[in-house]
Amino acid sequence: MKKNFILDTNVLLHEATAIQRFTDNNVIIPLKVIEEIDHFKKDQSELGRNARHVSRLLDELRQHGKLNKGVELSYGGTLRIAFPGQTYKNGLSADDQILELAMQLSKSEPLPCIVVSKDINLRLKADALGLEAEDYENDRVDISELYTGHTEVTAPAEALETFRRDGKIAPPEGASLSPNQYVLLRSETDPNHTVLVRFDGESKLLVPLIPCPDEVKPVQPRNKEQHYAMDELLNDNIKVVTIIGKAGTGKTLLAVAAAVFKTMHEKRYRRMLICRPTIPMGKDIGFLPGTLEEKLNPWMQPIYDALDFLSTGGRIWKRSRDGNKDEDDRIGIEPLTYIRGRSIPNQFIVVDEAQNLTPLEAKTVLTRVGPGTKIVLTGDIYQIDNPFLDSMSNGLSSVVEKFRPHNVAAHIVLGRGVRSEVAELAANLL
């Protein structure tokens, strides 16, 4: 049965193509939403780009019919722009006009009427008025089933001995593994006899992890999840790495350490590029004076801290910050604001705090990857500062699930904090 879906502004700002996601149902955009979209069209952020995209889509549809009557969509269903009669002039807020329109349509049309919004309070108000309301869930991931990237499998003792001798082994019968999934292989007869392996998606075999090189010191894996993370970071055949972990699990430090090793020591990549989205925690302090580098310092300080920790006696990082041209070319630290339109070949890219990206922004970043480039996305999906995202709808969670079946990607969830006892307790208790 067809339904009428009334879209809130935040749905279209979150995903510009949302009007195409309702198959053969009717999509209704309140006139007030068009006005709010217009307020964002000059914004240079992702919200502004989405606002302009929505305007272009609607203008294209206008060529095929009257938007107030309803225009057929290529994906099925119709789209129309509507407003709640004379009440439009009575100074109602945007939320109230959307709800007023929904109430009118639910009384005048036989089809079920559903308000779609990412605003929790609007959904609560709709429910109080007896209206159906839903979150926009096209890009949401079931967080309870989010892929962890590793598992444990029991195998015969002979299989473990074969692996130690030959360096590879077929997975035990009945084991269902994804490409580049990590496995703790445990002996059936001796539970203390274990080995850490990776499932190679091309050969369909369990293979050993890459040992952590001495040059990565002072960073060394402290638990099995960090060993898994270091393996995927050092493996040049894995082009897309995602690492999720709470505060203090070492995700950023491991990624930066691997980038320094691969770029400075192995010279496998021409340059390391480290990026972060500029989303503030809490209230924004406003305009920052100075040059672009000076403006970026507050945002990039965690990266500077990691590089300072890794530079033994300051040899790598402090030389570059003191103006050594050769070293400056090898280390790039940039915001994600200006990445659109670029092509980035033969670089090791680390995108920190990737949980603050929308799925569309994550797509934009990944489509910048050129030949010979490896990209790492790290973040904590429970510490999201973007008001339009949550642990299920952010770009990092989306990349984990979409790339899971592909041989070029690997993922790991870091569970245990290693920063300090205080940091671990705070992450778990607060």
Protein backbone atom coordinates (compact mmCIF):
# COMPACT_ATOMS: atom_id res chain seq x y z
CA MET A 1 0.00 0.00 0.00
CA LYS A 2 1.26 3.45 -0.91
CA LYS A 3 2.11 5.96 1.81
CA ASN A 4 2.62 9.71 2.05
CA PHE A 5 6.04 10.61 3.47
CA ILE A 6 6.47 14.23 4.62
CA LEU A 7 10.16 15.14 4.77
CA ASP A 8 11.74 17.50 7.29
CA THR A 9 14.57 19.86 6.27
CA ASN A 10 17.24 17.92 8.15
CA VAL A 11 16.55 14.79 6.08
CA LEU A 12 17.39 16.58 2.84
CA LEU A 13 20.41 18.31 4.37
CA HIS A 14 21.65 14.94 5.63
CA GLU A 15 21.24 13.22 2.25
CA ALA A 16 20.38 15.28 -0.81
CA THR A 17 19.08 12.25 -2.73
CA ALA A 18 16.68 11.22 0.05
CA ILE A 19 13.69 11.98 -2.20
CA GLN A 20 14.74 9.00 -4.34
CA ARG A 21 14.77 6.50 -1.44
CA PHE A 22 11.02 6.00 -0.96
CA THR A 23 10.41 3.68 -3.97
CA ASP A 24 6.79 3.84 -5.16
CA ASN A 25 5.43 6.01 -2.32
CA ASN A 26 4.51 9.69 -2.37
CA VAL A 27 7.13 12.15 -1.16
CA ILE A 28 5.80 15.47 0.12
CA ILE A 29 8.04 18.45 0.88
CA PRO A 30 6.46 21.27 2.89
CA LEU A 31 6.95 24.74 1.41
CA LYS A 32 8.62 25.87 4.63
CA VAL A 33 11.30 23.21 4.06
CA ILE A 34 12.12 24.84 0.70
CA GLU A 35 12.60 28.16 2.51
CA GLU A 36 14.92 26.56 5.06
CA ILE A 37 16.89 24.84 2.28
CA ASP A 38 17.31 28.26 0.67
CA HIS A 39 18.93 29.60 3.85
CA PHE A 40 21.69 26.98 3.54
CA LYS A 41 22.42 27.26 -0.18
CA LYS A 42 25.36 29.68 0.21
CA ASP A 43 26.96 27.69 3.01
CA GLN A 44 30.35 26.22 2.01
CA SER A 45 29.96 23.17 4.24
CA GLU A 46 28.45 19.80 3.34
CA LEU A 47 25.06 21.17 4.40
CA GLY A 48 25.37 23.91 1.79
CA ARG A 49 26.35 21.47 -0.93
CA ASN A 50 23.40 19.23 -0.06
CA ALA A 51 21.07 22.24 -0.07
CA ARG A 52 22.22 23.24 -3.57
CA HIS A 53 21.90 19.65 -4.77
CA VAL A 54 18.32 19.45 -3.48
CA SER A 55 17.45 22.71 -5.25
CA ARG A 56 18.87 21.39 -8.53
CA LEU A 57 16.99 18.11 -8.21
CA LEU A 58 13.70 19.88 -7.59
CA ASP A 59 14.31 22.28 -10.48
CA GLU A 60 14.93 19.32 -12.81
CA LEU A 61 11.69 17.69 -11.65
CA ARG A 62 9.87 20.95 -12.29
CA GLN A 63 10.59 20.49 -15.99
CA HIS A 64 8.45 17.33 -15.98
CA GLY A 65 5.31 18.67 -14.35
CA LYS A 66 3.77 20.89 -11.70
CA LEU A 67 5.35 20.32 -8.31
CA ASN A 68 2.16 21.37 -6.53
CA LYS A 69 0.24 18.64 -8.38
CA GLY A 70 2.89 15.92 -8.10
CA VAL A 71 5.69 14.81 -10.43
CA GLU A 72 6.43 11.18 -11.25
CA LEU A 73 9.82 9.99 -9.97
CA SER A 74 12.04 7.65 -11.98
CA TYR A 75 12.32 5.37 -8.93
CA GLY A 76 8.53 5.12 -8.64
CA GLY A 77 6.05 7.21 -6.67
CA THR A 78 5.58 10.96 -6.89
CA LEU A 79 6.97 14.12 -5.36
CA ARG A 80 5.06 17.27 -4.60
CA ILE A 81 5.51 20.50 -2.66
CA ALA A 82 2.65 21.44 -0.35
CA PHE A 83 1.75 23.93 2.37
CA PRO A 84 -0.99 23.98 5.04
CA GLY A 85 -3.39 26.47 3.45
CA GLN A 86 -3.97 29.82 5.16
CA THR A 87 -2.12 28.75 8.30
CA TYR A 88 1.08 29.30 6.29
CA LYS A 89 0.62 33.04 6.94
CA ASN A 90 -0.04 32.78 10.65
CA GLY A 91 3.56 32.82 11.88
CA LEU A 92 3.82 29.11 12.72
CA SER A 93 7.31 27.73 13.27
CA ALA A 94 8.79 25.41 10.66
CA ASP A 95 8.11 22.35 12.84
CA ASP A 96 4.51 23.41 13.47
CA GLN A 97 3.88 23.98 9.76
CA ILE A 98 5.19 20.52 8.95
CA LEU A 99 2.94 18.99 11.62
CA GLU A 100 -0.04 21.09 10.51
CA LEU A 101 0.42 19.87 6.94
CA ALA A 102 0.71 16.28 8.13
CA MET A 103 -2.54 16.58 10.12
CA GLN A 104 -4.38 18.07 7.14
CA LEU A 105 -3.15 15.35 4.77
CA SER A 106 -3.97 12.55 7.23
CA LYS A 107 -7.60 13.83 7.30
CA SER A 108 -8.03 14.65 3.61
CA GLU A 109 -6.24 11.69 1.96
CA PRO A 110 -6.88 7.98 2.49
CA LEU A 111 -3.18 7.00 2.42
CA PRO A 112 -1.16 6.62 5.65
CA CYS A 113 0.77 9.83 6.38
CA ILE A 114 4.25 9.60 7.97
CA VAL A 115 6.51 12.45 9.07
CA VAL A 116 10.20 11.69 8.41
CA SER A 117 12.68 13.70 10.48
CA LYS A 118 16.07 13.35 12.12
CA ASP A 119 14.86 15.73 14.83
CA ILE A 120 13.87 13.66 17.88
CA ASN A 121 11.70 16.43 19.34
CA LEU A 122 9.72 16.83 16.13
CA ARG A 123 9.04 13.09 16.14
CA LEU A 124 7.88 13.35 19.76
CA LYS A 125 5.54 16.24 18.92
CA ALA A 126 4.15 14.28 15.98
CA ASP A 127 3.49 11.30 18.21
CA ALA A 128 1.72 13.54 20.75
CA LEU A 129 -0.59 14.72 17.95
CA GLY A 130 -1.39 11.16 16.92
CA LEU A 131 0.74 11.26 13.78
CA GLU A 132 3.15 8.58 12.61
CA ALA A 133 6.79 9.68 12.65
CA GLU A 134 10.04 7.97 11.68
CA ASP A 135 13.75 8.67 11.63
CA TYR A 136 15.41 8.62 8.20
CA GLU A 137 17.10 5.22 8.30
CA ASN A 138 18.28 4.59 4.74
CA ASP A 139 21.93 4.90 5.79
CA ARG A 140 21.70 3.42 9.28
CA VAL A 141 23.68 0.40 10.44
CA ASP A 142 22.44 -1.99 13.13
CA ILE A 143 24.99 -1.13 15.80
CA SER A 144 24.33 -4.36 17.72
CA GLU A 145 25.47 -6.30 14.65
CA LEU A 146 28.33 -4.03 13.60
CA TYR A 147 31.21 -6.08 12.22
CA THR A 148 34.10 -6.28 14.70
CA GLY A 149 36.67 -7.55 12.21
CA HIS A 150 37.85 -10.48 14.34
CA THR A 151 36.58 -13.73 15.82
CA GLU A 152 37.74 -16.89 17.61
CA VAL A 153 37.75 -20.36 16.04
CA THR A 154 38.56 -23.72 17.61
CA ALA A 155 40.69 -26.09 15.53
CA PRO A 156 42.42 -29.48 15.95
CA ALA A 157 45.89 -29.33 17.49
CA GLU A 158 47.31 -30.84 14.27
CA ALA A 159 45.97 -27.85 12.32
CA LEU A 160 47.86 -25.41 14.51
CA GLU A 161 51.07 -27.41 14.11
CA THR A 162 50.57 -27.45 10.33
CA PHE A 163 50.12 -23.68 10.37
CA ARG A 164 53.31 -23.17 12.38
CA ARG A 165 55.19 -25.38 9.92
CA ASP A 166 53.74 -24.19 6.58
CA GLY A 167 52.66 -20.62 7.41
CA LYS A 168 49.16 -21.18 6.03
CA ILE A 169 46.16 -23.41 6.51
CA ALA A 170 42.61 -23.77 5.27
CA PRO A 171 39.94 -22.50 7.72
CA PRO A 172 38.37 -25.19 9.92
CA GLU A 173 35.23 -26.73 8.47
CA GLY A 174 32.15 -24.66 9.19
CA ALA A 175 34.00 -21.37 9.78
CA SER A 176 32.33 -18.51 7.88
CA LEU A 177 34.85 -15.69 7.46
CA SER A 178 34.93 -12.37 5.64
CA PRO A 179 37.95 -11.25 3.58
CA ASN A 180 40.75 -10.02 5.87
CA GLN A 181 38.89 -11.07 9.00
CA TYR A 182 41.23 -11.78 11.91
CA VAL A 183 41.03 -15.04 13.81
CA LEU A 184 42.31 -16.26 17.15
CA LEU A 185 42.88 -19.94 16.36
CA ARG A 186 42.54 -22.01 19.56
CA SER A 187 43.55 -25.66 19.96
CA GLU A 188 40.74 -28.11 20.82
CA THR A 189 42.95 -30.09 23.20
CA ASP A 190 44.87 -27.24 24.83
CA PRO A 191 42.90 -23.95 25.19
CA ASN A 192 46.11 -22.11 26.05
CA HIS A 193 47.60 -23.04 22.68
CA THR A 194 46.57 -20.19 20.33
CA VAL A 195 47.79 -18.37 17.24
CA LEU A 196 46.70 -15.09 15.62
CA VAL A 197 45.94 -15.30 11.89
CA ARG A 198 44.21 -13.43 9.07
CA PHE A 199 41.81 -14.90 6.53
CA ASP A 200 43.10 -14.03 3.06
CA GLY A 201 40.11 -13.46 0.78
CA GLU A 202 41.96 -14.29 -2.44
CA SER A 203 43.68 -17.55 -1.47
CA LYS A 204 40.88 -18.51 0.99
CA LEU A 205 43.58 -19.48 3.50
CA LEU A 206 44.50 -18.43 7.03
CA VAL A 207 47.84 -16.61 6.88
CA PRO A 208 50.18 -15.19 9.57
CA LEU A 209 50.19 -11.57 10.70
CA ILE A 210 52.90 -9.16 9.62
CA PRO A 211 55.32 -8.75 12.57
CA CYS A 212 55.60 -5.24 13.97
CA PRO A 213 58.97 -3.78 12.82
CA ASP A 214 61.43 -2.30 15.29
CA GLU A 215 61.25 1.08 13.53
CA VAL A 216 57.68 1.55 14.76
CA LYS A 217 58.94 1.81 18.36
CA PRO A 218 58.00 3.31 20.81
CA VAL A 219 54.61 2.06 19.56
CA GLN A 220 54.20 -1.70 19.95
CA PRO A 221 50.89 -3.66 20.04
CA ARG A 222 49.79 -4.45 23.60
CA ASN A 223 46.86 -6.80 22.92
CA LYS A 224 45.56 -9.03 20.16
CA GLU A 225 43.28 -6.35 18.68
CA GLN A 226 46.24 -3.98 18.34
CA HIS A 227 48.24 -6.77 16.66
CA TYR A 228 45.35 -7.14 14.19
CA ALA A 229 45.26 -3.37 13.63
CA MET A 230 49.00 -3.17 13.01
CA ASP A 231 48.80 -6.02 10.49
CA GLU A 232 46.11 -4.30 8.41
CA LEU A 233 47.99 -1.01 8.62
CA LEU A 234 51.25 -2.56 7.38
CA ASN A 235 49.67 -4.72 4.64
CA ASP A 236 50.04 -2.89 1.32
CA ASN A 237 47.41 -5.11 -0.34
CA ILE A 238 44.77 -3.74 2.03
CA LYS A 239 43.88 -0.31 0.65
CA VAL A 240 40.99 0.65 2.95
CA VAL A 241 41.44 0.27 6.72
CA THR A 242 38.81 1.16 9.33
CA ILE A 243 39.59 1.18 13.06
CA ILE A 244 36.94 1.83 15.70
CA GLY A 245 37.75 2.18 19.37
CA LYS A 246 36.83 4.15 22.46
CA ALA A 247 39.12 6.85 23.83
CA GLY A 248 42.57 5.60 24.78
CA THR A 249 42.61 2.39 22.71
CA GLY A 250 45.47 3.66 20.53
CA LYS A 251 43.70 3.89 17.18
CA THR A 252 45.15 7.25 16.15
CA LEU A 253 48.66 6.53 17.44
CA LEU A 254 48.82 3.15 15.66
CA ALA A 255 47.62 4.69 12.38
CA VAL A 256 50.09 7.57 12.54
CA ALA A 257 52.94 5.23 13.53
CA ALA A 258 52.25 2.98 10.54
CA ALA A 259 52.02 6.03 8.25
CA VAL A 260 55.41 7.31 9.46
CA PHE A 261 57.01 3.88 9.04
CA LYS A 262 55.60 3.29 5.56
CA THR A 263 56.46 6.78 4.36
CA MET A 264 59.71 7.67 6.12
CA HIS A 265 61.40 4.28 6.60
CA GLU A 266 60.11 1.95 3.89
CA LYS A 267 59.38 4.82 1.47
CA ARG A 268 56.50 2.72 0.15
CA TYR A 269 54.37 5.85 -0.19
CA ARG A 270 55.47 9.23 -1.47
CA ARG A 271 53.75 11.17 1.30
CA MET A 272 51.63 10.79 4.41
CA LEU A 273 48.46 12.90 4.60
CA ILE A 274 46.60 13.21 7.89
CA CYS A 275 43.13 14.79 7.93
CA ARG A 276 40.42 15.55 10.47
CA PRO A 277 36.91 16.97 10.11
CA THR A 278 36.66 20.35 11.86
CA ILE A 279 33.68 19.57 14.10
CA PRO A 280 33.94 21.12 17.59
CA MET A 281 33.09 19.36 20.86
CA GLY A 282 30.59 21.50 22.73
CA LYS A 283 30.09 25.18 21.88
CA ASP A 284 32.25 26.49 19.04
CA ILE A 285 34.67 29.22 20.15
CA GLY A 286 34.09 31.03 16.85
CA PHE A 287 36.52 32.67 14.44
CA LEU A 288 40.20 31.78 14.84
CA PRO A 289 42.75 34.42 13.81
CA GLY A 290 45.98 33.85 11.93
CA THR A 291 47.16 31.90 8.90
CA LEU A 292 45.60 28.62 7.78
CA GLU A 293 48.26 26.67 9.71
CA GLU A 294 47.57 28.71 12.86
CA LYS A 295 43.81 28.18 12.50
CA LEU A 296 44.36 24.43 12.17
CA ASN A 297 46.56 24.06 15.25
CA PRO A 298 43.67 23.51 17.74
CA TRP A 299 42.04 20.93 15.48
CA MET A 300 45.22 19.07 14.64
CA GLN A 301 46.88 19.09 18.08
CA PRO A 302 46.12 15.35 18.68
CA ILE A 303 48.01 14.57 15.47
CA TYR A 304 50.91 16.80 16.52
CA ASP A 305 50.97 15.01 19.89
CA ALA A 306 51.17 11.62 18.15
CA LEU A 307 53.99 12.78 15.87
CA ASP A 308 55.89 14.31 18.77
CA PHE A 309 55.58 11.02 20.67
CA LEU A 310 56.81 9.03 17.67
CA SER A 311 59.75 11.28 16.82
CA THR A 312 62.75 9.95 18.73
CA GLY A 313 64.51 13.09 19.83
CA GLY A 314 62.35 15.09 17.40
CA ARG A 315 64.23 13.83 14.32
CA ILE A 316 61.29 13.52 11.93
CA TRP A 317 58.52 15.84 13.05
CA LYS A 318 60.48 18.78 14.48
CA ARG A 319 62.66 19.00 11.38
CA SER A 320 59.57 19.33 9.24
CA ARG A 321 58.01 21.99 11.49
CA ASP A 322 61.25 23.96 11.44
CA GLY A 323 60.98 24.34 7.70
CA ASN A 324 62.99 21.48 6.15
CA LYS A 325 61.48 21.48 2.64
CA ASP A 326 62.13 17.80 1.94
CA GLU A 327 60.44 16.70 5.16
CA ASP A 328 57.57 19.20 4.70
CA ASP A 329 56.75 17.47 1.44
CA ARG A 330 56.59 14.09 3.16
CA ILE A 331 54.10 15.04 5.91
CA GLY A 332 50.79 16.76 5.18
CA ILE A 333 48.26 17.71 7.85
CA GLU A 334 45.07 19.19 6.45
CA PRO A 335 41.37 19.66 7.21
CA LEU A 336 38.86 17.71 5.14
CA THR A 337 37.16 20.95 4.14
CA TYR A 338 39.05 21.30 0.85
CA ILE A 339 39.40 17.67 -0.22
CA ARG A 340 36.52 17.68 -2.71
CA GLY A 341 37.72 17.54 -6.33
CA ARG A 342 41.20 16.27 -5.51
CA SER A 343 42.91 13.09 -6.72
CA ILE A 344 45.50 11.77 -4.27
CA PRO A 345 47.93 9.14 -5.67
CA ASN A 346 50.67 7.16 -3.87
CA GLN A 347 49.99 8.49 -0.37
CA PHE A 348 49.20 7.04 3.04
CA ILE A 349 46.06 8.87 4.19
CA VAL A 350 44.83 8.85 7.78
CA VAL A 351 41.36 10.31 8.42
CA ASP A 352 41.01 10.76 12.17
CA GLU A 353 37.65 11.29 13.96
CA ALA A 354 35.89 9.78 10.93
CA GLN A 355 32.76 9.13 13.01
CA ASN A 356 31.89 12.82 12.45
CA LEU A 357 31.57 12.27 8.69
CA THR A 358 28.22 11.69 7.03
CA PRO A 359 28.01 8.70 4.66
CA LEU A 360 28.14 11.14 1.74
CA GLU A 361 31.23 12.87 3.15
CA ALA A 362 32.88 9.46 3.68
CA LYS A 363 32.11 8.65 0.04
CA THR A 364 33.63 11.97 -1.03
CA VAL A 365 36.83 11.22 0.91
CA LEU A 366 37.19 7.66 -0.39
CA THR A 367 36.62 8.69 -4.00
CA ARG A 368 39.68 10.98 -3.72
CA VAL A 369 41.94 7.92 -3.41
CA GLY A 370 44.26 7.61 -6.40
CA PRO A 371 46.49 4.76 -7.62
CA GLY A 372 48.92 3.41 -5.04
CA THR A 373 47.19 5.15 -2.11
CA LYS A 374 46.15 3.54 1.18
CA ILE A 375 43.49 5.18 3.35
CA VAL A 376 42.83 4.62 7.05
CA LEU A 377 39.69 5.85 8.83
CA THR A 378 39.71 5.90 12.62
CA GLY A 379 37.11 6.99 15.15
CA ASP A 380 34.87 6.31 18.12
CA ILE A 381 31.25 5.90 17.03
CA TYR A 382 30.09 6.70 20.58
CA GLN A 383 31.76 10.13 20.61
CA ILE A 384 30.03 11.98 17.78
CA ASP A 385 30.01 15.78 17.74
CA ASN A 386 28.03 16.20 14.50
CA PRO A 387 24.41 16.97 15.59
CA PHE A 388 22.95 15.22 12.54
CA LEU A 389 24.69 11.87 13.16
CA ASP A 390 24.61 9.02 15.67
CA SER A 391 26.42 5.71 16.16
CA MET A 392 24.31 4.05 13.47
CA SER A 393 24.12 6.71 10.75
CA ASN A 394 27.69 8.06 10.59
CA GLY A 395 30.04 7.58 7.66
CA LEU A 396 32.54 5.38 9.53
CA SER A 397 29.92 2.74 10.40
CA SER A 398 28.65 2.88 6.83
CA VAL A 399 32.13 2.26 5.36
CA VAL A 400 32.69 -0.71 7.71
CA GLU A 401 29.55 -2.50 6.54
CA LYS A 402 29.72 -1.59 2.84
CA PHE A 403 33.38 -2.60 2.43
CA ARG A 404 33.21 -5.78 4.54
CA PRO A 405 32.91 -8.27 1.62
CA HIS A 406 35.81 -6.79 -0.40
CA ASN A 407 39.40 -8.01 -0.45
CA VAL A 408 40.87 -4.48 -0.45
CA ALA A 409 39.38 -3.62 2.95
CA ALA A 410 39.96 -4.68 6.55
CA HIS A 411 38.41 -3.57 9.83
CA ILE A 412 39.07 -3.96 13.53
CA VAL A 413 37.38 -2.84 16.75
CA LEU A 414 39.80 -2.01 19.56
CA GLY A 415 38.20 -2.86 22.88
CA ARG A 416 40.74 -2.28 25.64
CA GLY A 417 42.16 1.10 26.56
CA VAL A 418 45.95 1.41 26.87
CA ARG A 419 46.38 5.14 27.49
CA SER A 420 46.15 5.01 31.28
CA GLU A 421 44.11 3.50 34.09
CA VAL A 422 42.24 6.79 34.52
CA ALA A 423 41.41 7.06 30.80
CA GLU A 424 40.17 3.46 30.72
CA LEU A 425 37.94 3.98 33.75
CA ALA A 426 36.56 7.24 32.34
CA ALA A 427 35.79 5.64 28.97
CA ASN A 428 33.94 2.77 30.67
CA LEU A 429 32.18 4.57 33.52
CA LEU A 430 31.28 8.06 32.27
